[in-house]
Amino acid sequence: MIDLNFIIALVVAITVHEFAHAWMANYLGDPTAKYHGRVTLNPLKHLDVFGTIMLFVVGLGWGKPVPVNPNNFKSVRRDSALVSFAGPASNILTAIVIALPYKYLVETGGSVVVISLLQSVFDLNLLLAIFNLLPLPPLDGSKIIGVFIPRRFERAYFQFLRDGIKWFIAVILIDSFVFGRMFGFSVLWLVIGTIYQILASIILLGT
């Protein structure tokens, strides 16, 4: 049975994430996402049809990629990185905002139902941010690192982005079937989980 809190939290996280991409692209001079109606917090504008179906079938979904035309940016590499970073950053900011009422309700003995929902929103936003910061195409991290790639390696980097989905699938398969089946653990989730624990602790202690 799929956890309703998980679905709500994932819809919130995806909506905030894609909205942030669209808003930042428009702010930096590319109105493509705005013309497609993506500068909005309406989740219906951001949920992918198949991704939404999978959300209800297996509890794992994804959003519709935000259309971006880098030719509209003043600095293609810098602004593309900023647009990519906006998504994970918005999820971390959402987690920080959610931490305030979450901690208050936990400390004052608030509604268990509300606390459970807030915890799901907090967790999913942090996990989505960390996952998307991995430097693997088509994740945001692969575009963020572009601003640090030396010019002489630019052609190889763009080739990496074009072929990146192959690398992404290869990493997922190796992580799942080699490490998962043979060694009984996931390297990806070990990394993501460790970073999550550090970030969650910092946010909860600092709010």
N, C-alpha and C. Protein backbone atom coordinates (compact mmCIF):
# COMPACT_ATOMS: atom_id res chain seq x y z
N MET A 1 0.84 -1.20 0.00
CA MET A 1 0.00 0.00 0.00
C MET A 1 0.88 1.25 0.00
N ILE A 2 0.58 2.18 -0.89
CA ILE A 2 1.38 3.39 -1.03
C ILE A 2 1.02 4.38 0.07
N ASP A 3 2.02 4.96 0.71
CA ASP A 3 1.84 5.94 1.78
C ASP A 3 1.37 7.26 1.17
N LEU A 4 0.19 7.74 1.62
CA LEU A 4 -0.36 8.99 1.10
C LEU A 4 0.56 10.17 1.42
N ASN A 5 1.17 10.14 2.60
CA ASN A 5 2.10 11.20 2.97
C ASN A 5 3.27 11.26 2.00
N PHE A 6 3.75 10.09 1.57
CA PHE A 6 4.86 10.02 0.63
C PHE A 6 4.47 10.66 -0.70
N ILE A 7 3.26 10.36 -1.19
CA ILE A 7 2.80 10.90 -2.46
C ILE A 7 2.66 12.43 -2.38
N ILE A 8 2.04 12.91 -1.30
CA ILE A 8 1.87 14.36 -1.13
C ILE A 8 3.23 15.04 -1.07
N ALA A 9 4.14 14.46 -0.30
CA ALA A 9 5.47 15.04 -0.13
C ALA A 9 6.23 15.07 -1.46
N LEU A 10 6.11 14.00 -2.24
CA LEU A 10 6.82 13.94 -3.51
C LEU A 10 6.25 14.94 -4.51
N VAL A 11 4.92 15.11 -4.52
CA VAL A 11 4.29 16.10 -5.40
C VAL A 11 4.77 17.50 -5.02
N VAL A 12 4.82 17.79 -3.72
CA VAL A 12 5.30 19.09 -3.26
C VAL A 12 6.75 19.30 -3.68
N ALA A 13 7.59 18.30 -3.46
CA ALA A 13 9.02 18.42 -3.77
C ALA A 13 9.26 18.61 -5.26
N ILE A 14 8.56 17.85 -6.09
CA ILE A 14 8.72 17.96 -7.54
C ILE A 14 8.23 19.31 -8.03
N THR A 15 7.07 19.76 -7.51
CA THR A 15 6.49 21.04 -7.95
C THR A 15 7.42 22.20 -7.61
N VAL A 16 7.91 22.23 -6.38
CA VAL A 16 8.83 23.29 -5.96
C VAL A 16 10.10 23.26 -6.80
N HIS A 17 10.61 22.06 -7.03
CA HIS A 17 11.84 21.87 -7.80
C HIS A 17 11.72 22.41 -9.22
N GLU A 18 10.67 22.00 -9.92
CA GLU A 18 10.50 22.42 -11.32
C GLU A 18 10.14 23.90 -11.43
N PHE A 19 9.34 24.40 -10.48
CA PHE A 19 9.02 25.83 -10.45
C PHE A 19 10.29 26.66 -10.33
N ALA A 20 11.20 26.23 -9.45
CA ALA A 20 12.44 26.97 -9.23
C ALA A 20 13.29 27.02 -10.51
N HIS A 21 13.36 25.90 -11.24
CA HIS A 21 14.06 25.90 -12.52
C HIS A 21 13.46 26.94 -13.47
N ALA A 22 12.13 26.91 -13.58
CA ALA A 22 11.42 27.80 -14.50
C ALA A 22 11.59 29.27 -14.10
N TRP A 23 11.45 29.54 -12.80
CA TRP A 23 11.57 30.92 -12.31
C TRP A 23 12.97 31.46 -12.56
N MET A 24 13.98 30.67 -12.26
CA MET A 24 15.36 31.12 -12.42
C MET A 24 15.70 31.35 -13.89
N ALA A 25 15.24 30.46 -14.76
CA ALA A 25 15.49 30.63 -16.20
C ALA A 25 14.86 31.93 -16.69
N ASN A 26 13.64 32.19 -16.27
CA ASN A 26 12.95 33.42 -16.67
C ASN A 26 13.66 34.65 -16.11
N TYR A 27 14.11 34.57 -14.86
CA TYR A 27 14.82 35.67 -14.21
C TYR A 27 16.13 36.00 -14.93
N LEU A 28 16.77 34.95 -15.47
CA LEU A 28 18.06 35.15 -16.14
C LEU A 28 17.93 35.47 -17.62
N GLY A 29 16.68 35.68 -18.08
CA GLY A 29 16.48 36.15 -19.45
C GLY A 29 15.90 35.16 -20.44
N ASP A 30 15.61 33.94 -20.00
CA ASP A 30 15.02 32.96 -20.92
C ASP A 30 13.54 32.75 -20.56
N PRO A 31 12.61 33.28 -21.36
CA PRO A 31 11.19 33.18 -21.05
C PRO A 31 10.53 31.90 -21.57
N THR A 32 11.32 30.95 -22.06
CA THR A 32 10.75 29.74 -22.66
C THR A 32 9.81 29.02 -21.69
N ALA A 33 10.27 28.80 -20.47
CA ALA A 33 9.43 28.11 -19.48
C ALA A 33 8.18 28.93 -19.15
N LYS A 34 8.33 30.24 -19.12
CA LYS A 34 7.19 31.11 -18.84
C LYS A 34 6.14 30.97 -19.93
N TYR A 35 6.57 30.93 -21.20
CA TYR A 35 5.65 30.78 -22.32
C TYR A 35 4.91 29.44 -22.26
N HIS A 36 5.53 28.44 -21.61
CA HIS A 36 4.91 27.13 -21.48
C HIS A 36 4.11 27.00 -20.18
N GLY A 37 3.95 28.12 -19.48
CA GLY A 37 3.15 28.12 -18.26
C GLY A 37 3.79 27.40 -17.09
N ARG A 38 5.13 27.36 -17.05
CA ARG A 38 5.81 26.58 -16.01
C ARG A 38 6.25 27.43 -14.81
N VAL A 39 6.13 28.75 -14.90
CA VAL A 39 6.50 29.58 -13.75
C VAL A 39 5.28 29.66 -12.83
N THR A 40 4.96 28.54 -12.22
CA THR A 40 3.77 28.42 -11.38
C THR A 40 3.98 27.30 -10.37
N LEU A 41 3.26 27.39 -9.26
CA LEU A 41 3.30 26.33 -8.25
C LEU A 41 2.12 25.37 -8.39
N ASN A 42 1.47 25.44 -9.54
CA ASN A 42 0.39 24.49 -9.84
C ASN A 42 1.03 23.15 -10.21
N PRO A 43 0.86 22.12 -9.39
CA PRO A 43 1.53 20.84 -9.67
C PRO A 43 1.13 20.21 -10.99
N LEU A 44 -0.07 20.51 -11.48
CA LEU A 44 -0.54 19.94 -12.74
C LEU A 44 0.33 20.38 -13.91
N LYS A 45 1.00 21.52 -13.76
CA LYS A 45 1.86 22.03 -14.83
C LYS A 45 3.23 21.35 -14.84
N HIS A 46 3.56 20.69 -13.75
CA HIS A 46 4.90 20.14 -13.61
C HIS A 46 4.97 18.61 -13.58
N LEU A 47 3.84 17.96 -13.35
CA LEU A 47 3.86 16.51 -13.24
C LEU A 47 3.81 15.85 -14.61
N ASP A 48 4.76 14.99 -14.86
CA ASP A 48 4.79 14.22 -16.11
C ASP A 48 3.69 13.15 -16.06
N VAL A 49 3.03 12.92 -17.20
CA VAL A 49 1.91 11.98 -17.23
C VAL A 49 2.35 10.58 -16.78
N PHE A 50 3.38 10.06 -17.42
CA PHE A 50 3.85 8.72 -17.06
C PHE A 50 4.45 8.71 -15.66
N GLY A 51 5.16 9.80 -15.33
CA GLY A 51 5.75 9.90 -14.00
C GLY A 51 4.69 9.92 -12.91
N THR A 52 3.55 10.57 -13.21
CA THR A 52 2.45 10.62 -12.25
C THR A 52 1.80 9.25 -12.09
N ILE A 53 1.63 8.55 -13.21
CA ILE A 53 1.06 7.19 -13.14
C ILE A 53 1.95 6.29 -12.29
N MET A 54 3.27 6.38 -12.51
CA MET A 54 4.20 5.58 -11.74
C MET A 54 4.19 5.96 -10.26
N LEU A 55 3.87 7.21 -9.99
CA LEU A 55 3.77 7.68 -8.61
C LEU A 55 2.72 6.89 -7.85
N PHE A 56 1.59 6.65 -8.50
CA PHE A 56 0.50 5.93 -7.85
C PHE A 56 0.68 4.41 -7.94
N VAL A 57 1.41 3.94 -8.95
CA VAL A 57 1.60 2.50 -9.12
C VAL A 57 2.68 1.96 -8.20
N VAL A 58 3.84 2.62 -8.21
CA VAL A 58 4.97 2.12 -7.42
C VAL A 58 5.45 3.10 -6.36
N GLY A 59 4.83 4.29 -6.31
CA GLY A 59 5.23 5.27 -5.30
C GLY A 59 6.47 6.05 -5.65
N LEU A 60 6.90 6.00 -6.91
CA LEU A 60 8.08 6.73 -7.36
C LEU A 60 7.75 7.44 -8.65
N GLY A 61 7.82 8.77 -8.64
CA GLY A 61 7.46 9.53 -9.84
C GLY A 61 8.49 10.61 -10.14
N TRP A 62 8.24 11.36 -11.19
CA TRP A 62 9.17 12.42 -11.58
C TRP A 62 8.40 13.54 -12.28
N GLY A 63 9.03 14.68 -12.37
CA GLY A 63 8.38 15.83 -12.97
C GLY A 63 8.71 15.98 -14.44
N LYS A 64 7.98 16.86 -15.08
CA LYS A 64 8.19 17.17 -16.49
C LYS A 64 9.38 18.13 -16.61
N PRO A 65 10.39 17.80 -17.42
CA PRO A 65 11.55 18.69 -17.56
C PRO A 65 11.13 20.10 -18.00
N VAL A 66 11.76 21.09 -17.40
CA VAL A 66 11.47 22.48 -17.75
C VAL A 66 12.20 22.85 -19.03
N PRO A 67 11.48 23.38 -20.05
CA PRO A 67 12.13 23.76 -21.30
C PRO A 67 13.00 25.01 -21.11
N VAL A 68 14.24 24.92 -21.54
CA VAL A 68 15.18 26.03 -21.39
C VAL A 68 15.92 26.24 -22.70
N ASN A 69 16.07 27.50 -23.09
CA ASN A 69 16.86 27.84 -24.28
C ASN A 69 18.09 28.63 -23.83
N PRO A 70 19.23 27.96 -23.69
CA PRO A 70 20.45 28.61 -23.19
C PRO A 70 20.91 29.79 -24.03
N ASN A 71 20.47 29.87 -25.28
CA ASN A 71 20.88 30.97 -26.15
C ASN A 71 20.36 32.31 -25.65
N ASN A 72 19.37 32.29 -24.77
CA ASN A 72 18.82 33.53 -24.21
C ASN A 72 19.60 34.04 -23.01
N PHE A 73 20.55 33.25 -22.53
CA PHE A 73 21.32 33.64 -21.36
C PHE A 73 22.50 34.54 -21.76
N LYS A 74 22.89 35.43 -20.85
CA LYS A 74 24.05 36.28 -21.08
C LYS A 74 25.33 35.44 -21.01
N SER A 75 25.37 34.55 -20.04
CA SER A 75 26.51 33.63 -19.89
C SER A 75 25.94 32.22 -19.86
N VAL A 76 26.12 31.48 -20.94
CA VAL A 76 25.48 30.17 -21.07
C VAL A 76 25.89 29.22 -19.96
N ARG A 77 27.17 29.08 -19.71
CA ARG A 77 27.65 28.13 -18.70
C ARG A 77 27.23 28.54 -17.30
N ARG A 78 27.42 29.80 -16.97
CA ARG A 78 27.08 30.27 -15.63
C ARG A 78 25.58 30.19 -15.37
N ASP A 79 24.80 30.73 -16.31
CA ASP A 79 23.35 30.79 -16.11
C ASP A 79 22.70 29.40 -16.18
N SER A 80 23.23 28.53 -17.02
CA SER A 80 22.72 27.16 -17.07
C SER A 80 22.95 26.46 -15.73
N ALA A 81 24.12 26.72 -15.14
CA ALA A 81 24.43 26.14 -13.84
C ALA A 81 23.51 26.68 -12.76
N LEU A 82 23.21 27.98 -12.83
CA LEU A 82 22.32 28.60 -11.85
C LEU A 82 20.90 28.05 -11.96
N VAL A 83 20.44 27.87 -13.18
CA VAL A 83 19.10 27.30 -13.39
C VAL A 83 19.05 25.89 -12.83
N SER A 84 20.07 25.11 -13.07
CA SER A 84 20.12 23.74 -12.56
C SER A 84 20.20 23.72 -11.04
N PHE A 85 20.99 24.62 -10.47
CA PHE A 85 21.16 24.66 -9.02
C PHE A 85 19.88 25.12 -8.31
N ALA A 86 19.07 25.90 -9.00
CA ALA A 86 17.85 26.45 -8.40
C ALA A 86 16.91 25.34 -7.92
N GLY A 87 16.85 24.23 -8.64
CA GLY A 87 15.96 23.14 -8.26
C GLY A 87 16.32 22.54 -6.91
N PRO A 88 17.53 21.98 -6.77
CA PRO A 88 17.94 21.43 -5.47
C PRO A 88 17.93 22.47 -4.35
N ALA A 89 18.35 23.71 -4.68
CA ALA A 89 18.37 24.76 -3.66
C ALA A 89 16.97 25.03 -3.12
N SER A 90 15.97 25.00 -4.01
CA SER A 90 14.59 25.25 -3.58
C SER A 90 14.08 24.14 -2.68
N ASN A 91 14.53 22.91 -2.94
CA ASN A 91 14.13 21.79 -2.09
C ASN A 91 14.75 21.90 -0.70
N ILE A 92 16.00 22.33 -0.64
CA ILE A 92 16.67 22.52 0.65
C ILE A 92 15.99 23.66 1.42
N LEU A 93 15.65 24.74 0.72
CA LEU A 93 14.95 25.87 1.35
C LEU A 93 13.59 25.44 1.88
N THR A 94 12.89 24.60 1.10
CA THR A 94 11.59 24.09 1.54
C THR A 94 11.75 23.26 2.81
N ALA A 95 12.77 22.43 2.86
CA ALA A 95 13.04 21.61 4.05
C ALA A 95 13.30 22.50 5.27
N ILE A 96 14.03 23.60 5.07
CA ILE A 96 14.31 24.53 6.18
C ILE A 96 13.02 25.16 6.69
N VAL A 97 12.15 25.57 5.76
CA VAL A 97 10.87 26.18 6.14
C VAL A 97 9.99 25.17 6.89
N ILE A 98 9.95 23.94 6.39
CA ILE A 98 9.14 22.89 7.00
C ILE A 98 9.66 22.51 8.39
N ALA A 99 10.98 22.64 8.58
CA ALA A 99 11.58 22.26 9.87
C ALA A 99 11.04 23.07 11.03
N LEU A 100 10.65 24.31 10.77
CA LEU A 100 10.15 25.18 11.85
C LEU A 100 8.86 24.65 12.47
N PRO A 101 7.77 24.48 11.69
CA PRO A 101 6.55 23.92 12.30
C PRO A 101 6.73 22.47 12.74
N TYR A 102 7.57 21.72 12.05
CA TYR A 102 7.80 20.33 12.42
C TYR A 102 8.39 20.23 13.82
N LYS A 103 9.45 21.00 14.07
CA LYS A 103 10.08 20.97 15.39
C LYS A 103 9.13 21.47 16.47
N TYR A 104 8.37 22.52 16.15
CA TYR A 104 7.44 23.09 17.13
C TYR A 104 6.39 22.06 17.53
N LEU A 105 5.81 21.37 16.54
CA LEU A 105 4.77 20.39 16.83
C LEU A 105 5.32 19.18 17.58
N VAL A 106 6.54 18.78 17.25
CA VAL A 106 7.16 17.65 17.96
C VAL A 106 7.39 18.02 19.42
N GLU A 107 7.89 19.22 19.66
CA GLU A 107 8.21 19.67 21.02
C GLU A 107 6.97 19.94 21.85
N THR A 108 5.86 20.33 21.21
CA THR A 108 4.63 20.68 21.95
C THR A 108 3.59 19.56 21.93
N GLY A 109 3.95 18.43 21.33
CA GLY A 109 3.02 17.32 21.29
C GLY A 109 1.85 17.55 20.35
N GLY A 110 2.14 18.02 19.16
CA GLY A 110 1.10 18.30 18.17
C GLY A 110 0.53 17.04 17.54
N SER A 111 -0.34 17.25 16.56
CA SER A 111 -1.01 16.15 15.87
C SER A 111 0.01 15.20 15.23
N VAL A 112 -0.14 13.92 15.51
CA VAL A 112 0.75 12.91 14.95
C VAL A 112 0.62 12.86 13.43
N VAL A 113 -0.60 13.05 12.94
CA VAL A 113 -0.86 13.01 11.50
C VAL A 113 -0.11 14.15 10.80
N VAL A 114 -0.21 15.34 11.36
CA VAL A 114 0.46 16.52 10.76
C VAL A 114 1.97 16.37 10.85
N ILE A 115 2.46 15.90 12.00
CA ILE A 115 3.90 15.71 12.19
C ILE A 115 4.44 14.71 11.16
N SER A 116 3.69 13.62 10.94
CA SER A 116 4.10 12.60 9.97
C SER A 116 4.17 13.18 8.56
N LEU A 117 3.19 14.01 8.20
CA LEU A 117 3.17 14.63 6.87
C LEU A 117 4.34 15.60 6.71
N LEU A 118 4.57 16.43 7.72
CA LEU A 118 5.68 17.39 7.66
C LEU A 118 7.02 16.69 7.58
N GLN A 119 7.15 15.59 8.31
CA GLN A 119 8.40 14.83 8.25
C GLN A 119 8.63 14.26 6.85
N SER A 120 7.56 13.78 6.20
CA SER A 120 7.68 13.24 4.85
C SER A 120 8.10 14.33 3.87
N VAL A 121 7.49 15.52 4.00
CA VAL A 121 7.84 16.64 3.12
C VAL A 121 9.29 17.05 3.35
N PHE A 122 9.70 17.09 4.61
CA PHE A 122 11.08 17.44 4.96
C PHE A 122 12.05 16.44 4.35
N ASP A 123 11.80 15.15 4.58
CA ASP A 123 12.68 14.10 4.09
C ASP A 123 12.79 14.07 2.57
N LEU A 124 11.63 14.11 1.89
CA LEU A 124 11.62 13.99 0.43
C LEU A 124 12.29 15.18 -0.24
N ASN A 125 12.13 16.36 0.31
CA ASN A 125 12.77 17.54 -0.29
C ASN A 125 14.29 17.44 -0.17
N LEU A 126 14.77 17.00 0.98
CA LEU A 126 16.22 16.85 1.15
C LEU A 126 16.77 15.74 0.25
N LEU A 127 16.07 14.61 0.21
CA LEU A 127 16.54 13.49 -0.60
C LEU A 127 16.53 13.84 -2.09
N LEU A 128 15.48 14.54 -2.55
CA LEU A 128 15.41 14.94 -3.96
C LEU A 128 16.53 15.91 -4.30
N ALA A 129 16.82 16.84 -3.37
CA ALA A 129 17.90 17.79 -3.60
C ALA A 129 19.25 17.08 -3.73
N ILE A 130 19.53 16.19 -2.80
CA ILE A 130 20.81 15.48 -2.79
C ILE A 130 20.95 14.60 -4.03
N PHE A 131 19.88 13.88 -4.36
CA PHE A 131 19.91 13.00 -5.53
C PHE A 131 20.19 13.79 -6.80
N ASN A 132 19.53 14.95 -6.94
CA ASN A 132 19.70 15.75 -8.15
C ASN A 132 21.05 16.45 -8.22
N LEU A 133 21.75 16.53 -7.12
CA LEU A 133 23.08 17.15 -7.13
C LEU A 133 24.18 16.18 -7.55
N LEU A 134 23.82 14.90 -7.72
CA LEU A 134 24.81 13.95 -8.22
C LEU A 134 25.23 14.37 -9.64
N PRO A 135 26.52 14.34 -9.94
CA PRO A 135 27.01 14.83 -11.25
C PRO A 135 26.82 13.83 -12.39
N LEU A 136 25.61 13.33 -12.53
CA LEU A 136 25.30 12.38 -13.60
C LEU A 136 24.14 12.90 -14.44
N PRO A 137 24.29 12.99 -15.76
CA PRO A 137 23.16 13.39 -16.60
C PRO A 137 22.05 12.36 -16.49
N PRO A 138 20.79 12.72 -16.50
CA PRO A 138 20.30 14.09 -16.74
C PRO A 138 20.06 14.88 -15.46
N LEU A 139 20.70 14.51 -14.36
CA LEU A 139 20.50 15.19 -13.08
C LEU A 139 21.12 16.59 -13.11
N ASP A 140 20.63 17.44 -12.21
CA ASP A 140 21.08 18.84 -12.19
C ASP A 140 22.57 18.98 -11.92
N GLY A 141 23.11 18.07 -11.12
CA GLY A 141 24.53 18.17 -10.79
C GLY A 141 25.44 18.12 -11.99
N SER A 142 25.00 17.42 -13.05
CA SER A 142 25.83 17.31 -14.26
C SER A 142 25.97 18.65 -14.97
N LYS A 143 24.98 19.52 -14.81
CA LYS A 143 25.03 20.84 -15.44
C LYS A 143 25.68 21.86 -14.52
N ILE A 144 25.54 21.65 -13.22
CA ILE A 144 26.17 22.57 -12.27
C ILE A 144 27.69 22.52 -12.39
N ILE A 145 28.24 21.32 -12.57
CA ILE A 145 29.70 21.19 -12.65
C ILE A 145 30.25 21.81 -13.93
N GLY A 146 29.37 22.10 -14.90
CA GLY A 146 29.81 22.68 -16.18
C GLY A 146 30.55 23.98 -16.01
N VAL A 147 30.19 24.75 -14.98
CA VAL A 147 30.83 26.04 -14.76
C VAL A 147 32.28 25.87 -14.30
N PHE A 148 32.65 24.68 -13.84
CA PHE A 148 34.01 24.43 -13.36
C PHE A 148 34.87 23.68 -14.38
N ILE A 149 34.28 23.29 -15.51
CA ILE A 149 35.02 22.53 -16.52
C ILE A 149 35.91 23.47 -17.34
N PRO A 150 37.21 23.21 -17.41
CA PRO A 150 38.10 24.06 -18.23
C PRO A 150 37.69 24.04 -19.69
N ARG A 151 37.96 25.13 -20.37
CA ARG A 151 37.55 25.27 -21.77
C ARG A 151 38.11 24.15 -22.66
N ARG A 152 39.31 23.69 -22.36
CA ARG A 152 39.93 22.69 -23.22
C ARG A 152 39.21 21.33 -23.11
N PHE A 153 38.41 21.16 -22.06
CA PHE A 153 37.67 19.91 -21.90
C PHE A 153 36.18 20.07 -22.23
N GLU A 154 35.85 21.23 -22.79
CA GLU A 154 34.44 21.56 -23.02
C GLU A 154 33.77 20.58 -23.98
N ARG A 155 34.46 20.21 -25.06
CA ARG A 155 33.88 19.30 -26.04
C ARG A 155 33.59 17.94 -25.41
N ALA A 156 34.55 17.46 -24.61
CA ALA A 156 34.36 16.17 -23.93
C ALA A 156 33.22 16.25 -22.93
N TYR A 157 33.10 17.41 -22.27
CA TYR A 157 32.03 17.59 -21.29
C TYR A 157 30.66 17.55 -21.96
N PHE A 158 30.52 18.26 -23.09
CA PHE A 158 29.23 18.26 -23.79
C PHE A 158 28.91 16.88 -24.35
N GLN A 159 29.94 16.14 -24.74
CA GLN A 159 29.71 14.77 -25.18
C GLN A 159 29.24 13.91 -24.01
N PHE A 160 29.79 14.17 -22.85
CA PHE A 160 29.37 13.48 -21.62
C PHE A 160 27.90 13.75 -21.34
N LEU A 161 27.47 15.00 -21.52
CA LEU A 161 26.07 15.35 -21.29
C LEU A 161 25.16 14.65 -22.30
N ARG A 162 25.61 14.58 -23.57
CA ARG A 162 24.79 13.94 -24.60
C ARG A 162 24.65 12.44 -24.36
N ASP A 163 25.74 11.82 -23.94
CA ASP A 163 25.74 10.37 -23.71
C ASP A 163 25.46 10.01 -22.26
N GLY A 164 25.20 11.04 -21.46
CA GLY A 164 25.12 10.85 -20.02
C GLY A 164 24.07 9.88 -19.55
N ILE A 165 22.95 9.79 -20.24
CA ILE A 165 21.89 8.89 -19.80
C ILE A 165 22.40 7.46 -19.76
N LYS A 166 23.34 7.12 -20.67
CA LYS A 166 23.94 5.78 -20.67
C LYS A 166 24.75 5.57 -19.40
N TRP A 167 25.49 6.60 -19.02
CA TRP A 167 26.28 6.52 -17.79
C TRP A 167 25.36 6.40 -16.58
N PHE A 168 24.28 7.16 -16.60
CA PHE A 168 23.32 7.15 -15.49
C PHE A 168 22.74 5.75 -15.31
N ILE A 169 22.28 5.17 -16.43
CA ILE A 169 21.68 3.83 -16.38
C ILE A 169 22.73 2.81 -15.92
N ALA A 170 23.95 2.96 -16.43
CA ALA A 170 25.03 2.03 -16.06
C ALA A 170 25.32 2.10 -14.56
N VAL A 171 25.38 3.32 -14.02
CA VAL A 171 25.65 3.49 -12.59
C VAL A 171 24.53 2.88 -11.75
N ILE A 172 23.28 3.13 -12.15
CA ILE A 172 22.13 2.60 -11.41
C ILE A 172 22.14 1.07 -11.43
N LEU A 173 22.41 0.49 -12.62
CA LEU A 173 22.42 -0.97 -12.74
C LEU A 173 23.56 -1.60 -11.93
N ILE A 174 24.74 -1.00 -12.03
CA ILE A 174 25.88 -1.52 -11.26
C ILE A 174 25.61 -1.41 -9.77
N ASP A 175 25.06 -0.26 -9.37
CA ASP A 175 24.77 -0.05 -7.95
C ASP A 175 23.73 -1.04 -7.44
N SER A 176 22.70 -1.29 -8.27
CA SER A 176 21.61 -2.16 -7.85
C SER A 176 21.97 -3.63 -7.90
N PHE A 177 22.57 -4.06 -9.02
CA PHE A 177 22.77 -5.49 -9.23
C PHE A 177 24.14 -6.01 -8.79
N VAL A 178 25.16 -5.14 -8.90
CA VAL A 178 26.49 -5.59 -8.47
C VAL A 178 26.64 -5.39 -6.96
N PHE A 179 26.56 -4.13 -6.53
CA PHE A 179 26.73 -3.87 -5.10
C PHE A 179 25.53 -4.37 -4.30
N GLY A 180 24.31 -4.14 -4.85
CA GLY A 180 23.11 -4.55 -4.13
C GLY A 180 23.00 -6.06 -3.96
N ARG A 181 23.19 -6.80 -5.05
CA ARG A 181 23.04 -8.25 -5.00
C ARG A 181 24.27 -8.95 -4.41
N MET A 182 25.45 -8.49 -4.78
CA MET A 182 26.66 -9.18 -4.37
C MET A 182 27.12 -8.79 -2.97
N PHE A 183 26.98 -7.48 -2.66
CA PHE A 183 27.51 -7.01 -1.37
C PHE A 183 26.41 -6.58 -0.39
N GLY A 184 25.18 -6.52 -0.88
CA GLY A 184 24.06 -6.24 0.02
C GLY A 184 23.88 -4.80 0.44
N PHE A 185 24.47 -3.86 -0.31
CA PHE A 185 24.24 -2.45 0.01
C PHE A 185 24.36 -1.60 -1.25
N SER A 186 23.81 -0.40 -1.19
CA SER A 186 23.84 0.52 -2.32
C SER A 186 24.82 1.65 -2.03
N VAL A 187 25.80 1.81 -2.90
CA VAL A 187 26.77 2.89 -2.74
C VAL A 187 26.08 4.25 -2.86
N LEU A 188 25.18 4.36 -3.84
CA LEU A 188 24.46 5.61 -4.05
C LEU A 188 23.68 6.01 -2.80
N TRP A 189 22.92 5.05 -2.25
CA TRP A 189 22.11 5.38 -1.09
C TRP A 189 22.97 5.55 0.16
N LEU A 190 24.13 4.94 0.18
CA LEU A 190 25.06 5.18 1.29
C LEU A 190 25.53 6.63 1.26
N VAL A 191 25.88 7.11 0.06
CA VAL A 191 26.32 8.49 -0.10
C VAL A 191 25.17 9.45 0.18
N ILE A 192 24.01 9.21 -0.46
CA ILE A 192 22.86 10.08 -0.28
C ILE A 192 22.41 10.09 1.18
N GLY A 193 22.36 8.90 1.79
CA GLY A 193 21.93 8.80 3.18
C GLY A 193 22.85 9.53 4.14
N THR A 194 24.16 9.43 3.89
CA THR A 194 25.13 10.12 4.75
C THR A 194 24.99 11.63 4.65
N ILE A 195 24.87 12.12 3.42
CA ILE A 195 24.70 13.57 3.22
C ILE A 195 23.38 14.02 3.81
N TYR A 196 22.34 13.18 3.67
CA TYR A 196 21.03 13.53 4.24
C TYR A 196 21.14 13.69 5.76
N GLN A 197 21.80 12.75 6.43
CA GLN A 197 21.93 12.82 7.88
C GLN A 197 22.64 14.09 8.31
N ILE A 198 23.68 14.47 7.58
CA ILE A 198 24.43 15.68 7.91
C ILE A 198 23.57 16.92 7.71
N LEU A 199 22.92 17.02 6.54
CA LEU A 199 22.08 18.18 6.24
C LEU A 199 20.89 18.28 7.20
N ALA A 200 20.23 17.16 7.43
CA ALA A 200 19.06 17.16 8.31
C ALA A 200 19.44 17.61 9.72
N SER A 201 20.59 17.13 10.21
CA SER A 201 21.05 17.51 11.54
C SER A 201 21.33 19.01 11.62
N ILE A 202 22.00 19.53 10.60
CA ILE A 202 22.33 20.96 10.57
C ILE A 202 21.06 21.80 10.56
N ILE A 203 20.10 21.42 9.71
CA ILE A 203 18.86 22.19 9.58
C ILE A 203 18.03 22.13 10.86
N LEU A 204 17.87 20.95 11.41
CA LEU A 204 17.04 20.78 12.61
C LEU A 204 17.68 21.43 13.84
N LEU A 205 19.00 21.41 13.90
CA LEU A 205 19.68 22.06 15.02
C LEU A 205 19.69 23.58 14.87
N GLY A 206 19.67 24.04 13.61
CA GLY A 206 19.77 25.47 13.36
C GLY A 206 18.46 26.22 13.29
N THR A 207 17.33 25.49 13.33
CA THR A 207 16.02 26.16 13.25
C THR A 207 15.33 26.17 14.61
